[in-house]
């Protein structure tokens, strides 16, 4: 055969044409889809907003996570879970949640959805989650016991996914077979919304919670039994899992005064009391750590090069657009330590910003001390054993948001 003979279907010479994606070989398309998914070996960070609404205000709104409203124990209000929109973001602009990286692959096309289902192993976990619900019902009704479907899989629970969706208003709603119409600001104007799917790993990832108000009574009692992602009552292993929840620290918390009415009754509760109440409510949940995120935290200019990257024993959660939530303080977390005074600054005056009022580190230390004292006051001298100082409730820690 001549060296210049052209085989059928084989192109010789320079490649000057890029074929449309559907015409690429399946192996290449599959690899492109897989590369579009977040790295699953990195714990993610996900932001959810909590909003209190009257029971009659039940119509879903844009950004709502679709689940049953969580009723509050007192009053005629419900809690609704939302994702942050750019206009309501209290932290970095937009929504830097990890679930924004690959959520669109659930509905891009059949191929992308199939890849997502394989990577997140839904065919393995979904039947076990449904079987776990039956297992729990059998235990509650004292019927013949079923075998725990998660038995022997405890070491794999970090990668047990939970998938849901929230309502969004796309540029064109015609691309979705599911649409929902919600009211907009004008009385005669309506906005068409469609579902945007997302996935999280409840037992490993970080859940950053943004309450619309810290005055919602018994909010955390309700969430630990009614949050739709990562609860045993929904077939999952536990909300917050090993790494817990996070709240975004606001420096104004240190400046909030007590206000009293003419009778002397406190009408504005300080942030310190709100945090103490929050941690106490979470004491009976599966959450073992509550983190605070201070967006002012920066590495000091004289930080050694080998300390600018997280060490192996530092907790790190990875968000969208290159954001990393890095542990700088955690007193009671395994492998944790106090890195703030040496390597980080909050921009406060003085060499050691962590010891000054207005510091999130100082705020956490104050809350920890108050919680410990309250716990000790609840114990009689005969019940307290200095050799058995088991912590009461979740540990507290501090995260910096680095890019």
Foldseek 3Di string as FASTA:
>chain_A
DDPPDDDPPDDDDDDPDDDPLVPDDPVVNLVVLVVQADPPVFAWEFEKEKEKDAQVPPDADAQWFDDDWQDDPDDRITITIGGDAQVPDPDPGGTFGAQVRNLQLCQPDPSSVVSVCVVLVCVVQVVLLVVLLVQVVCVVVVHPHDDNSCPPVVVVLQSNKDKTWGKHQDPDPPSDPDWDWDDDPDPPDITIIDIRMGMHRQQGHEYEYHYPDLPPPCVLLRCQDDVQTAHVNSRGDFGQHANRYEYEDDLCLLVDDFDADPVRDTPDDGPLVSVLVNQQSQLPGNNAEYEYEYQLKDWDPPADPVVVDDDPLWRWHATHPGKIWTFQAWDPDVSGHHNPLPTIDSPDDDSGRLCDRSHVNVSLVVSVVVNVVVVVVVDDPVRDDPVDCDDGGHTYTYIYIDD
